């Protein structure tokens, strides 16, 4: 499951949660329930906005996963500065 960051404009708080891509979180109460966080003084019905992020990428397990010979990734002595 992907990680999503949400912000509540009413209180300025940001929370990160895991959920299915098909799941939609629309209120502070829903977000706090999912994150096991206290809603505090903010109304449970306050809207939240999903933030655009870069996503999370898992590195390949080996060079074979990239379709190249051993050495792993691009760091096989080719001088790519990674």
Protein backbone atom coordinates (compact mmCIF):
# COMPACT_ATOMS: atom_id res chain seq x y z
CA UNK A 1 0.00 0.00 0.00
CA UNK A 2 1.26 3.48 -0.80
CA UNK A 3 1.90 6.23 1.73
CA UNK A 4 -0.10 9.43 1.41
CA UNK A 5 0.41 12.80 3.09
CA UNK A 6 -2.63 14.86 4.01
CA UNK A 7 -2.92 18.37 5.42
CA UNK A 8 -5.85 19.93 7.24
CA UNK A 9 -6.15 23.61 6.22
CA UNK A 10 -8.14 24.38 9.38
CA UNK A 11 -5.37 23.40 11.81
CA UNK A 12 -2.31 23.26 9.52
CA UNK A 13 -1.45 19.71 10.66
CA UNK A 14 -0.04 17.13 8.26
CA UNK A 15 -0.35 13.36 8.70
CA UNK A 16 1.08 10.48 6.67
CA UNK A 17 -0.96 7.30 6.31
CA UNK A 18 -0.95 4.02 4.39
CA UNK A 19 -4.08 3.11 2.46
CA UNK A 20 -5.24 1.52 -0.77
CA UNK A 21 -5.13 3.65 -3.91
CA UNK A 22 -8.90 3.28 -4.24
CA UNK A 23 -9.58 4.62 -0.72
CA UNK A 24 -10.56 8.29 -0.42
CA UNK A 25 -9.98 10.28 2.77
CA UNK A 26 -11.97 13.50 2.92
CA UNK A 27 -12.24 14.63 6.53
CA UNK A 28 -9.99 15.23 9.52
CA UNK A 29 -11.93 12.60 11.49
CA UNK A 30 -11.38 9.91 8.83
CA UNK A 31 -7.70 10.79 8.61
CA UNK A 32 -7.17 10.73 12.38
CA UNK A 33 -8.97 7.38 12.66
CA UNK A 34 -6.72 5.90 9.98
CA UNK A 35 -3.57 7.37 11.57
CA UNK A 36 -4.66 6.47 15.14
CA UNK A 37 -4.27 10.16 16.02
CA UNK A 38 -6.31 12.38 18.34
CA UNK A 39 -8.55 14.86 16.50
CA UNK A 40 -7.89 17.50 19.16
CA UNK A 41 -9.96 20.68 18.95
CA UNK A 42 -10.47 20.41 15.17
CA UNK A 43 -13.93 19.35 14.00
CA UNK A 44 -14.03 15.78 12.69
CA UNK A 45 -15.88 17.07 9.61
CA UNK A 46 -13.10 19.50 8.61
CA UNK A 47 -11.88 18.74 5.07
CA UNK A 48 -8.36 17.48 4.39
CA UNK A 49 -6.29 17.71 1.22
CA UNK A 50 -4.04 14.99 -0.12
CA UNK A 51 -0.61 16.36 -0.93
CA UNK A 52 1.27 15.60 -4.10
CA UNK A 53 4.44 13.72 -3.29
CA UNK A 54 7.28 11.97 -5.01
CA UNK A 55 6.17 8.50 -3.98
CA UNK A 56 8.29 5.74 -2.53
CA UNK A 57 10.50 3.64 -4.77
CA UNK A 58 12.08 0.37 -3.72
CA UNK A 59 15.54 -0.25 -5.15
CA UNK A 60 16.09 -3.36 -7.27
CA UNK A 61 17.42 -6.40 -5.44
CA UNK A 62 20.25 -6.94 -7.92
CA UNK A 63 21.56 -5.91 -11.32
CA UNK A 64 19.66 -8.87 -12.74
CA UNK A 65 16.39 -7.10 -11.79
CA UNK A 66 17.47 -4.22 -14.06
CA UNK A 67 18.42 -6.53 -16.90
CA UNK A 68 22.14 -5.85 -16.54
CA UNK A 69 25.05 -7.97 -15.42
CA UNK A 70 26.28 -8.04 -11.81
CA UNK A 71 27.50 -4.94 -10.04
CA UNK A 72 24.03 -3.72 -9.14
CA UNK A 73 22.32 -0.63 -10.47
CA UNK A 74 24.31 1.92 -12.43
CA UNK A 75 27.24 1.82 -9.99
CA UNK A 76 29.24 -0.86 -11.77
CA UNK A 77 32.30 1.32 -12.32
CA UNK A 78 30.90 3.35 -15.22
CA UNK A 79 31.49 6.71 -13.54
CA UNK A 80 27.86 7.77 -13.33
CA UNK A 81 28.44 9.69 -10.06
CA UNK A 82 25.68 7.96 -8.11
